[in-house]
């Protein structure tokens, strides 16, 4: 089985484009299989999910990092900083659970790594973690797969499934393509408004011209605060005033 898993994870990490997206969905299905069979709780209860994966989540007061996965006899322990807010906590735990795919079976005590950790694995685990927090069954349950209003979709992803704004946008625009558009956290600097690196998302099917049009609409909105923007724009200013999260979809 370990050889089968070793070959599987190598195949996942070697994929690209649509194959990469399909691999992330497949990996998340493997992790969610037992949980979804037993519970229909929305959003995913991570402690229950961890139990089905032979993992436990602990939050010691003296832990100063964010989250770390540690193999132990019979499975895994995920150590999480107790000061994380609810959304960040869920993101971190889901990400660490995704990393369990890159270990041998829990029956090998303790589980061992199948290969050296790479940056590509990190990217893959982030994509898998989004699907853990927003599986298709839950998108169906909250009624957004056929919803045409991007604002309703975004609100339910952040409010019901407790996704961060960047992850909600990625679920909408790239993972399930429930809307066509761009999203990201915009900050104002010496050269005007720009998107913060790592926070952006865009629907793959958008042409370069369409992306440019949407970025132009975003900047125009930020600079002039249009009351009635031509594009569908969801704007969430930060209370600190340092940035604005924008989701701009095709009209």
Protein backbone atom coordinates (compact mmCIF):
# COMPACT_ATOMS: atom_id res chain seq x y z
CA UNK A 1 0.00 0.00 0.00
CA UNK A 2 2.87 2.38 0.80
CA UNK A 3 4.30 1.78 -2.68
CA UNK A 4 0.88 2.49 -4.17
CA UNK A 5 0.58 5.71 -2.16
CA UNK A 6 4.15 6.71 -3.05
CA UNK A 7 3.39 6.34 -6.76
CA UNK A 8 0.08 8.14 -6.36
CA UNK A 9 1.53 11.23 -4.67
CA UNK A 10 4.33 11.39 -7.25
CA UNK A 11 1.69 11.32 -9.99
CA UNK A 12 -0.29 14.09 -8.26
CA UNK A 13 2.72 16.37 -7.92
CA UNK A 14 3.78 15.77 -11.53
CA UNK A 15 0.42 16.95 -12.87
CA UNK A 16 -0.37 20.38 -14.35
CA UNK A 17 -3.39 22.50 -15.23
CA UNK A 18 -6.70 20.63 -15.21
CA UNK A 19 -4.91 17.42 -14.18
CA UNK A 20 -3.57 19.21 -11.10
CA UNK A 21 -7.07 20.40 -10.18
CA UNK A 22 -8.42 16.89 -10.65
CA UNK A 23 -5.63 15.49 -8.48
CA UNK A 24 -6.47 17.93 -5.67
CA UNK A 25 -10.14 16.89 -5.84
CA UNK A 26 -9.18 13.21 -5.80
CA UNK A 27 -6.90 13.70 -2.80
CA UNK A 28 -9.59 15.57 -0.88
CA UNK A 29 -12.12 12.83 -1.61
CA UNK A 30 -9.77 10.25 -0.11
CA UNK A 31 -9.44 12.32 3.05
CA UNK A 32 -13.16 13.10 3.34
CA UNK A 33 -14.53 9.68 2.42
CA UNK A 34 -15.10 8.34 5.95
CA UNK A 35 -16.16 11.70 7.36
CA UNK A 36 -18.88 12.31 4.75
CA UNK A 37 -20.11 8.76 5.16
CA UNK A 38 -20.69 9.30 8.88
CA UNK A 39 -21.68 12.96 9.16
CA UNK A 40 -23.57 15.55 7.12
CA UNK A 41 -22.47 18.45 9.32
CA UNK A 42 -21.89 21.78 7.56
CA UNK A 43 -19.27 23.18 7.77
CA UNK A 44 -16.81 20.33 8.18
CA UNK A 45 -16.01 19.69 11.85
CA UNK A 46 -12.24 19.37 11.76
CA UNK A 47 -11.88 17.44 15.02
CA UNK A 48 -14.22 14.76 13.67
CA UNK A 49 -12.43 14.74 10.31
CA UNK A 50 -9.07 14.42 12.07
CA UNK A 51 -10.35 11.43 14.04
CA UNK A 52 -11.28 9.59 10.83
CA UNK A 53 -7.68 10.14 9.67
CA UNK A 54 -6.09 8.87 12.88
CA UNK A 55 -5.11 12.37 13.88
CA UNK A 56 -5.74 14.57 16.90
CA UNK A 57 -5.69 18.36 17.12
CA UNK A 58 -4.14 19.95 20.20
CA UNK A 59 -3.72 23.64 21.11
CA UNK A 60 -1.04 24.04 23.79
CA UNK A 61 -0.72 27.51 25.29
CA UNK A 62 3.05 27.56 24.89
CA UNK A 63 3.11 26.88 21.13
CA UNK A 64 4.39 29.93 19.24
CA UNK A 65 4.17 28.70 15.65
CA UNK A 66 1.01 28.50 13.55
CA UNK A 67 0.50 24.77 13.02
CA UNK A 68 2.64 21.70 12.61
CA UNK A 69 1.98 18.05 11.78
CA UNK A 70 3.80 15.46 13.89
CA UNK A 71 3.69 11.68 13.35
CA UNK A 72 3.02 9.65 16.48
CA UNK A 73 2.33 6.06 17.34
CA UNK A 74 -0.83 5.06 15.48
CA UNK A 75 -1.29 8.29 13.54
CA UNK A 76 -0.67 12.01 13.78
CA UNK A 77 -0.83 14.98 16.10
CA UNK A 78 -1.55 18.48 14.76
CA UNK A 79 -0.31 21.22 17.06
CA UNK A 80 -2.05 24.55 16.50
CA UNK A 81 -1.54 27.98 17.98
CA UNK A 82 -4.57 28.64 20.22
CA UNK A 83 -4.52 32.37 19.40
CA UNK A 84 -5.49 31.83 15.76
CA UNK A 85 -8.91 33.16 14.82
CA UNK A 86 -11.54 30.67 13.70
CA UNK A 87 -10.98 31.09 9.95
CA UNK A 88 -7.19 30.89 10.21
CA UNK A 89 -7.45 27.91 12.54
CA UNK A 90 -9.58 26.01 10.02
CA UNK A 91 -7.24 26.87 7.18
CA UNK A 92 -4.19 25.71 9.14
CA UNK A 93 -5.67 22.43 10.36
CA UNK A 94 -7.04 21.51 6.92
CA UNK A 95 -3.63 22.21 5.40
CA UNK A 96 -1.85 19.95 7.90
CA UNK A 97 -4.40 17.19 7.35
CA UNK A 98 -3.63 17.36 3.63
CA UNK A 99 0.04 16.67 4.43
CA UNK A 100 -0.92 13.29 5.95
CA UNK A 101 -1.28 12.05 2.37
CA UNK A 102 2.49 12.21 2.05
CA UNK A 103 3.11 9.75 4.87
CA UNK A 104 2.92 5.98 5.10
CA UNK A 105 -0.17 4.32 6.57
CA UNK A 106 -0.82 4.98 10.29
CA UNK A 107 -0.45 1.23 10.86
CA UNK A 108 3.28 1.79 10.36
CA UNK A 109 3.94 3.28 13.75
CA UNK A 110 4.86 6.06 13.62
CA UNK A 111 4.00 6.95 9.99
CA UNK A 112 7.04 7.96 7.94
CA UNK A 113 7.43 10.44 5.13
CA UNK A 114 7.23 8.95 1.65
CA UNK A 115 9.42 11.65 0.15
CA UNK A 116 11.17 14.86 1.08
CA UNK A 117 8.82 17.81 1.50
CA UNK A 118 8.88 20.28 -1.41
CA UNK A 119 7.35 23.63 -2.25
CA UNK A 120 5.21 21.87 -4.84
CA UNK A 121 3.76 19.70 -2.08
CA UNK A 122 2.96 22.88 -0.13
CA UNK A 123 1.01 24.32 -3.06
CA UNK A 124 -0.81 21.03 -3.56
CA UNK A 125 -1.79 20.78 0.10
CA UNK A 126 -3.24 24.29 0.04
CA UNK A 127 -5.42 23.27 -2.93
CA UNK A 128 -6.46 20.03 -1.22
CA UNK A 129 -7.25 21.92 2.00
CA UNK A 130 -9.67 24.25 0.17
CA UNK A 131 -11.58 21.21 -1.07
CA UNK A 132 -11.62 19.76 2.45
CA UNK A 133 -13.33 22.91 3.71
CA UNK A 134 -15.57 23.31 0.65
CA UNK A 135 -16.44 19.84 -0.69
CA UNK A 136 -18.97 19.68 -3.49
CA UNK A 137 -21.50 17.98 -1.20
CA UNK A 138 -21.46 21.02 1.07
CA UNK A 139 -21.72 23.46 -1.82
CA UNK A 140 -24.85 21.58 -2.83
CA UNK A 141 -26.14 21.67 0.74
CA UNK A 142 -25.86 25.46 1.00
CA UNK A 143 -27.43 25.94 -2.43
CA UNK A 144 -24.77 27.77 -4.41
CA UNK A 145 -23.88 25.45 -7.30
CA UNK A 146 -26.67 26.95 -9.41
CA UNK A 147 -26.64 30.41 -7.84
CA UNK A 148 -26.10 33.21 -10.38
CA UNK A 149 -25.47 36.06 -7.92
CA UNK A 150 -21.74 36.17 -7.04
CA UNK A 151 -22.46 38.17 -3.88
CA UNK A 152 -24.67 35.38 -2.50
CA UNK A 153 -22.09 32.74 -3.38
CA UNK A 154 -19.26 34.69 -1.73
CA UNK A 155 -21.31 35.46 1.38
CA UNK A 156 -22.26 31.81 1.90
CA UNK A 157 -18.71 30.58 1.38
CA UNK A 158 -17.33 32.99 3.96
CA UNK A 159 -20.31 33.00 6.32
CA UNK A 160 -21.45 29.37 6.29
CA UNK A 161 -18.35 27.41 5.26
CA UNK A 162 -16.10 29.86 7.16
CA UNK A 163 -13.60 30.29 4.32
CA UNK A 164 -11.17 33.18 4.25
CA UNK A 165 -11.86 35.79 1.58
CA UNK A 166 -8.99 34.65 -0.70
CA UNK A 167 -10.03 31.00 -0.38
CA UNK A 168 -13.70 31.79 -0.99
CA UNK A 169 -12.66 33.63 -4.15
CA UNK A 170 -10.53 30.72 -5.33
CA UNK A 171 -13.36 28.26 -4.71
CA UNK A 172 -15.69 30.50 -6.75
CA UNK A 173 -13.39 31.44 -9.59
CA UNK A 174 -10.96 28.53 -10.05
CA UNK A 175 -11.98 25.37 -8.19
CA UNK A 176 -15.63 25.26 -9.27
CA UNK A 177 -15.86 28.24 -11.64
CA UNK A 178 -19.14 29.41 -10.14
CA UNK A 179 -18.37 32.86 -11.56
CA UNK A 180 -15.90 34.35 -14.03
CA UNK A 181 -13.70 37.10 -12.68
CA UNK A 182 -10.69 38.16 -10.64
CA UNK A 183 -10.14 38.72 -6.94
CA UNK A 184 -7.46 39.83 -4.52
CA UNK A 185 -6.40 42.12 -1.71
CA UNK A 186 -5.53 45.56 -3.07
CA UNK A 187 -3.20 47.90 -1.21
CA UNK A 188 -2.29 51.50 -1.95
CA UNK A 189 1.37 52.43 -2.32
CA UNK A 190 3.60 55.03 -3.92
CA UNK A 191 2.65 53.77 -7.38
CA UNK A 192 -1.08 53.61 -6.71
CA UNK A 193 -3.22 50.54 -6.17
CA UNK A 194 -1.81 47.03 -6.67
CA UNK A 195 -2.78 43.47 -5.78
CA UNK A 196 -0.95 41.87 -2.88
CA UNK A 197 1.10 38.91 -4.02
CA UNK A 198 -0.38 35.55 -3.05
CA UNK A 199 -3.91 36.86 -2.50
CA UNK A 200 -5.08 36.96 -6.12
CA UNK A 201 -7.23 34.56 -8.12
CA UNK A 202 -8.62 34.55 -11.65
CA UNK A 203 -10.88 32.27 -13.65
CA UNK A 204 -8.61 30.25 -15.99
CA UNK A 205 -10.92 30.70 -18.99
CA UNK A 206 -10.60 34.49 -18.94
CA UNK A 207 -8.71 35.95 -21.86
CA UNK A 208 -5.87 38.42 -21.32
CA UNK A 209 -8.17 41.16 -22.61
CA UNK A 210 -10.90 40.25 -20.13
CA UNK A 211 -8.43 40.15 -17.24
CA UNK A 212 -7.15 43.58 -18.20
CA UNK A 213 -10.69 44.95 -18.38
CA UNK A 214 -11.50 43.57 -14.93
CA UNK A 215 -8.29 44.95 -13.42
CA UNK A 216 -9.06 48.34 -14.96
CA UNK A 217 -12.57 48.22 -13.47
CA UNK A 218 -11.08 47.37 -10.07
CA UNK A 219 -8.63 50.28 -10.14
CA UNK A 220 -11.32 52.67 -11.36
CA UNK A 221 -13.55 51.59 -8.49
CA UNK A 222 -10.77 52.02 -5.93
CA UNK A 223 -9.68 55.41 -7.22
CA UNK A 224 -13.10 56.94 -7.72
CA UNK A 225 -15.31 54.81 -5.42
CA UNK A 226 -18.00 54.51 -8.08
CA UNK A 227 -21.47 54.28 -6.65
CA UNK A 228 -22.75 52.18 -9.53
CA UNK A 229 -19.81 50.23 -11.01
CA UNK A 230 -20.29 48.80 -14.48
CA UNK A 231 -18.96 45.43 -13.37
CA UNK A 232 -20.19 43.30 -10.51
CA UNK A 233 -17.85 44.31 -7.71
CA UNK A 234 -17.75 42.97 -4.16
CA UNK A 235 -15.60 45.27 -2.04
CA UNK A 236 -14.65 44.60 1.58
CA UNK A 237 -12.45 47.36 3.07
CA UNK A 238 -10.29 46.43 6.03
CA UNK A 239 -11.06 48.15 9.31
CA UNK A 240 -7.41 49.24 9.47
CA UNK A 241 -7.84 51.10 6.19
CA UNK A 242 -4.70 49.46 4.79
CA UNK A 243 -6.34 47.36 2.12
CA UNK A 244 -9.49 46.38 0.27
CA UNK A 245 -10.45 42.87 -0.80
CA UNK A 246 -12.11 43.04 -4.23
CA UNK A 247 -13.92 40.41 -6.24
CA UNK A 248 -14.78 41.63 -9.75
CA UNK A 249 -16.87 39.40 -12.00
CA UNK A 250 -18.00 39.67 -15.57
CA UNK A 251 -21.28 41.57 -15.96
